[in-house]
Protein backbone atom coordinates (compact mmCIF):
# COMPACT_ATOMS: atom_id res chain seq x y z
CA MET A 1 12.76 33.52 7.54
CA SER A 2 13.13 31.91 4.11
CA TYR A 3 14.36 28.36 3.69
CA GLN A 4 17.56 29.68 2.10
CA GLN A 5 18.24 31.90 5.11
CA ILE A 6 17.71 28.88 7.35
CA LEU A 7 20.21 26.83 5.35
CA ASN A 8 22.71 29.71 5.29
CA GLN A 9 22.96 29.56 9.09
CA LEU A 10 24.25 25.99 9.10
CA PRO A 11 27.75 25.39 10.43
CA LYS A 12 30.28 24.53 7.75
CA LEU A 13 30.82 20.96 6.67
CA SER A 14 33.80 19.18 8.22
CA ILE A 15 35.48 15.97 7.07
CA TYR A 16 36.66 13.14 9.31
CA HIS A 17 39.11 10.64 7.82
CA ASP A 18 38.79 7.24 9.47
CA LYS A 19 42.14 5.47 9.20
CA GLU A 20 40.84 2.21 10.64
CA LEU A 21 38.08 1.85 8.04
CA ALA A 22 39.78 3.90 5.28
CA LEU A 23 36.65 6.04 4.87
CA LYS A 24 35.72 9.67 5.18
CA LEU A 25 32.65 10.96 6.96
CA SER A 26 31.27 14.49 6.62
CA TYR A 27 29.52 16.23 9.48
CA ARG A 28 28.48 19.59 10.93
CA HIS A 29 29.44 20.55 14.48
CA GLN A 30 28.04 23.55 16.34
CA GLU A 31 29.94 23.82 19.61
CA PHE A 32 28.56 25.66 22.62
CA ASP A 33 29.67 24.27 25.97
CA ASN A 34 30.95 21.16 27.69
CA LYS A 35 27.49 19.77 28.42
CA ILE A 36 26.22 16.62 26.72
CA PRO A 37 25.92 17.35 22.96
CA ILE A 38 23.07 16.20 20.73
CA LEU A 39 23.89 13.93 17.80
CA PHE A 40 21.39 14.01 14.90
CA LEU A 41 21.11 11.27 12.25
CA HIS A 42 19.12 12.08 9.10
CA GLY A 43 16.72 10.10 6.93
CA PHE A 44 16.89 8.64 3.42
CA ASN A 45 15.73 11.84 1.69
CA GLY A 46 18.11 14.09 3.58
CA ASN A 47 21.60 14.81 4.81
CA SER A 48 23.11 16.84 7.64
CA LYS A 49 21.38 19.96 6.28
CA SER A 50 18.05 18.40 7.25
CA TRP A 51 18.63 19.51 10.85
CA ALA A 52 18.98 23.23 10.07
CA TYR A 53 15.99 24.15 12.23
CA GLN A 54 17.47 22.21 15.14
CA PHE A 55 20.86 23.88 14.75
CA ILE A 56 19.11 27.24 15.07
CA HIS A 57 16.91 26.18 17.98
CA PHE A 58 19.74 24.77 20.08
CA LYS A 59 22.23 27.53 19.33
CA ASN A 60 23.56 28.92 22.63
CA LYS A 61 21.80 26.04 24.42
CA ARG A 62 23.55 22.80 23.49
CA SER A 63 26.32 21.63 21.21
CA VAL A 64 24.92 19.93 18.12
CA ILE A 65 26.45 17.44 15.67
CA ALA A 66 24.79 16.22 12.47
CA ILE A 67 26.40 13.46 10.43
CA ASP A 68 26.08 12.65 6.73
CA ALA A 69 25.39 8.93 6.37
CA PRO A 70 27.67 7.01 3.98
CA GLY A 71 26.94 8.08 0.42
CA PHE A 72 25.29 11.33 1.55
CA GLY A 73 26.86 14.78 1.73
CA LYS A 74 30.60 14.28 1.32
CA SER A 75 30.68 10.93 3.14
CA ASP A 76 32.13 8.00 1.23
CA PRO A 77 29.55 5.50 -0.08
CA ILE A 78 29.91 1.99 1.30
CA ASP A 79 28.22 -1.35 0.78
CA ALA A 80 27.90 -2.24 4.45
CA ASP A 81 25.39 -2.95 7.17
CA MET A 82 24.30 -0.56 9.90
CA SER A 83 26.71 -2.13 12.36
CA MET A 84 29.73 -0.96 10.38
CA ILE A 85 28.19 2.51 10.01
CA ALA A 86 27.71 2.60 13.79
CA THR A 87 31.41 1.84 14.20
CA LEU A 88 32.29 4.68 11.83
CA VAL A 89 30.10 7.13 13.77
CA ASN A 90 31.57 6.00 17.09
CA ASN A 91 35.10 6.47 15.76
CA LEU A 92 34.23 10.04 14.75
CA LEU A 93 32.87 10.84 18.21
CA ILE A 94 35.98 9.41 19.88
CA ASN A 95 38.08 11.57 17.56
CA LEU A 96 36.07 14.62 18.67
CA GLY A 97 36.58 13.72 22.32
CA ILE A 98 32.89 13.01 22.90
CA ASN A 99 32.13 10.12 25.23
CA LYS A 100 28.54 10.99 26.21
CA PHE A 101 25.75 12.33 24.00
CA ASP A 102 22.02 12.46 23.42
CA LEU A 103 21.00 10.72 20.21
CA VAL A 104 18.22 11.72 17.79
CA GLY A 105 17.62 9.55 14.73
CA HIS A 106 15.00 10.11 12.04
CA SER A 107 13.72 7.35 9.74
CA MET A 108 16.89 5.71 8.31
CA GLY A 109 18.85 7.58 10.97
CA GLY A 110 16.50 6.17 13.59
CA MET A 111 17.44 2.66 12.51
CA LEU A 112 21.12 3.50 12.90
CA ALA A 113 20.38 5.12 16.27
CA GLN A 114 18.94 1.84 17.54
CA ILE A 115 22.23 0.07 16.76
CA ILE A 116 24.38 2.82 18.28
CA SER A 117 22.36 3.01 21.51
CA SER A 118 22.57 -0.78 21.88
CA ARG A 119 26.26 -1.21 21.09
CA TYR A 120 27.49 1.93 22.85
CA SER A 121 25.03 2.08 25.71
CA ASN A 122 27.48 3.77 28.07
CA SER A 123 27.85 6.66 25.64
CA VAL A 124 24.20 7.33 24.76
CA ASN A 125 22.47 9.34 27.47
CA LYS A 126 18.97 9.61 25.97
CA LEU A 127 17.50 8.29 22.72
CA VAL A 128 14.89 9.84 20.41
CA LEU A 129 13.52 7.81 17.50
CA SER A 130 11.56 9.84 14.95
CA CYS A 131 9.30 8.27 12.30
CA THR A 132 11.27 5.03 12.12
CA HIS A 133 11.09 1.25 12.45
CA LYS A 134 13.24 -1.86 12.93
CA GLY A 135 14.39 -2.36 9.33
CA TYR A 136 13.25 -4.64 6.51
CA ALA A 137 15.01 -7.82 7.67
CA MET A 138 15.83 -9.05 4.17
CA PRO A 139 18.34 -11.92 3.79
CA PRO A 140 21.96 -11.05 2.94
CA GLY A 141 22.52 -11.06 -0.80
CA SER A 142 18.99 -9.92 -1.63
CA PRO A 143 18.82 -7.51 -4.57
CA LEU A 144 17.94 -3.91 -3.96
CA ARG A 145 14.24 -3.52 -3.11
CA ASP A 146 11.95 -2.53 -5.97
CA PRO A 147 11.16 0.91 -4.50
CA TYR A 148 14.88 1.68 -4.32
CA ARG A 149 15.51 0.41 -7.85
CA ARG A 150 12.76 2.71 -9.10
CA ARG A 151 14.36 5.54 -7.18
CA LEU A 152 17.67 4.81 -8.90
CA GLU A 153 15.99 5.03 -12.30
CA GLU A 154 14.39 8.34 -11.35
CA ARG A 155 17.77 9.66 -10.20
CA LYS A 156 19.31 8.70 -13.54
CA ASN A 157 16.55 10.17 -15.68
CA LEU A 158 15.54 13.34 -13.86
CA SER A 159 17.30 16.63 -13.24
CA ASP A 160 18.37 17.42 -9.68
CA GLN A 161 15.44 19.77 -9.22
CA GLU A 162 12.92 17.34 -10.69
CA PHE A 163 14.20 14.53 -8.53
CA GLY A 164 14.14 16.62 -5.35
CA LYS A 165 10.55 17.73 -5.92
CA LEU A 166 9.43 14.20 -6.76
CA ARG A 167 10.92 12.77 -3.57
CA ILE A 168 9.17 15.32 -1.36
CA ASN A 169 5.85 15.01 -3.19
CA LYS A 170 5.92 11.28 -2.51
CA MET A 171 7.09 11.65 1.08
CA LEU A 172 4.66 14.44 2.00
CA PRO A 173 1.69 14.35 -0.40
CA GLU A 174 -0.36 16.76 1.75
CA LEU A 175 2.35 19.36 2.35
CA ASP A 176 1.14 22.83 1.38
CA ASN A 177 3.87 24.98 2.93
CA GLY A 178 5.99 26.25 0.05
CA GLU A 179 9.01 27.20 2.17
CA ILE A 180 9.17 23.80 3.83
CA PHE A 181 8.70 22.07 0.47
CA ASN A 182 11.57 24.09 -1.01
CA PHE A 183 13.73 23.41 2.06
CA LEU A 184 13.25 19.66 1.78
CA SER A 185 13.44 19.41 -2.01
CA SER A 186 16.64 21.48 -2.16
CA ILE A 187 18.25 18.95 0.17
CA SER A 188 16.85 15.93 -1.69
CA GLU A 189 18.32 17.32 -4.91
CA GLU A 190 21.73 16.35 -3.53
CA ILE A 191 20.89 12.65 -3.27
CA SER A 192 23.07 10.57 -5.58
CA GLU A 193 22.88 7.03 -6.92
CA ASP A 194 25.51 6.13 -4.29
CA SER A 195 23.23 7.58 -1.60
CA ILE A 196 20.37 5.36 -2.69
CA LYS A 197 22.50 2.23 -2.94
CA SER A 198 24.32 2.75 0.38
CA GLY A 199 21.25 3.75 2.38
CA GLY A 200 18.91 1.30 0.71
CA MET A 201 21.10 -1.74 1.22
CA ALA A 202 21.80 -0.85 4.86
CA MET A 203 18.08 -0.49 5.66
CA GLN A 204 16.89 -3.59 3.86
CA ARG A 205 19.48 -5.83 5.56
CA LEU A 206 18.62 -4.48 8.99
CA ASP A 207 16.58 -6.10 11.73
CA THR A 208 17.11 -4.46 15.10
CA SER A 209 15.07 -7.03 17.04
CA ASN A 210 18.12 -8.56 18.71
CA TYR A 211 19.52 -5.15 19.60
CA LEU A 212 16.53 -3.50 21.23
CA SER A 213 16.52 -5.60 24.39
CA LYS A 214 19.87 -3.92 25.19
CA VAL A 215 18.47 -0.39 24.80
CA LYS A 216 18.00 0.75 28.39
CA GLN A 217 18.36 4.51 28.02
CA PRO A 218 15.35 6.79 28.45
CA CYS A 219 13.70 6.69 25.02
CA LEU A 220 11.16 8.82 23.18
CA ILE A 221 9.43 7.55 20.03
CA LEU A 222 8.01 10.36 17.90
CA LYS A 223 5.40 9.74 15.21
CA GLY A 224 3.69 11.97 12.66
CA SER A 225 -0.08 11.71 12.48
CA LYS A 226 0.04 11.86 8.66
CA ASP A 227 3.14 9.76 8.05
CA VAL A 228 2.70 7.78 4.80
CA VAL A 229 6.24 6.33 4.85
CA VAL A 230 6.34 4.34 8.09
CA SER A 231 3.28 2.12 8.41
CA SER A 232 1.38 1.77 11.69
CA GLU A 233 2.35 -1.90 11.74
CA ARG A 234 6.07 -1.18 11.56
CA SER A 235 5.80 1.65 14.06
CA ASN A 236 3.85 -0.52 16.48
CA ASN A 237 6.42 -3.32 16.17
CA LEU A 238 9.11 -0.88 17.27
CA GLU A 239 7.03 0.30 20.22
CA ARG A 240 6.41 -3.26 21.40
CA SER A 241 10.16 -3.91 21.34
CA LEU A 242 10.82 -0.83 23.50
CA PRO A 243 8.14 -1.08 26.18
CA HIS A 244 9.88 1.46 28.41
CA ALA A 245 9.81 4.15 25.70
CA LYS A 246 7.57 7.17 25.86
CA VAL A 247 5.51 7.49 22.66
CA GLU A 248 4.24 10.80 21.35
CA GLU A 249 2.38 11.54 18.12
CA LEU A 250 2.73 15.00 16.60
CA SER A 251 -0.46 16.30 15.00
CA ASN A 252 -0.85 17.42 11.38
CA VAL A 253 2.63 16.39 10.27
CA GLY A 254 3.87 13.62 8.02
CA HIS A 255 7.32 12.09 7.65
CA ALA A 256 9.35 15.25 8.32
CA PRO A 257 8.08 16.70 11.63
CA TYR A 258 11.51 18.23 12.35
CA CYS A 259 10.76 20.92 9.76
CA GLU A 260 7.02 20.61 9.00
CA ASP A 261 6.36 21.85 12.54
CA SER A 262 9.81 22.54 13.91
CA LYS A 263 8.45 24.46 16.91
CA ALA A 264 6.39 21.50 18.13
CA PHE A 265 9.17 19.02 17.33
CA ASN A 266 11.84 21.08 19.09
CA LYS A 267 9.63 21.70 22.13
CA VAL A 268 8.93 17.97 22.62
CA LEU A 269 12.59 17.14 21.97
CA GLU A 270 13.96 19.74 24.36
CA THR A 271 11.50 18.85 27.10
CA PHE A 272 12.44 15.17 26.91
CA LEU A 273 16.19 15.79 26.79
CA ASN A 274 16.10 18.26 29.69
CA THR A 275 14.06 16.15 32.14
């Protein structure tokens, strides 16, 4: 199946208007039954489309929700920390009548997932953290990190297609699967300057150290054997802060295991969530 056929099977985008925060949040919701749904949170190079392979895999098995982080998809950009974003996500779930869910967060989404599972521990059933860490712990008021400023310049100066390809080449330098490359780059083409500013500021302000002691749910930490984005040091720091977590490394994948080897990723994910 081509990457375009995969994307064409995604559920339509819906918009939630948060009256309390005066913000809108876009999301995709594939409903199946009344069992515990799975909530997916994407990374810095993605949006809710990133989980297309998971929507297909869990169709007729579990309900699935994928949210666009602020500044991504059709979600409003905000200059806020992860705590406020967690509140926004929780408000959406309450609006949908969801009070219990499994949570899967990748990279930037994994950072947000740590906050959500700590603050709303009664709602999160199981937690999966994919290719992520605890945040950059920069002081409030710090300027945007140099890598993000360079990314802003690239976004200004390159076409959508050029930017999308550049992002994936940097994220997955060894990727040789053309369909997966096109899948990822077509999604990264949609990243805007607001995406970079909103996501970048939230990640660089974040330090989840004080949250993780409150994460008591069953937890799975997934790593890619060829991940060039999350260093071993940062990954190990996360593992030490979650000593009860199961840790599994997926072979021959980098920073996007959910699509680089979706079969292996989905198998590990489903096994963990179902046991």
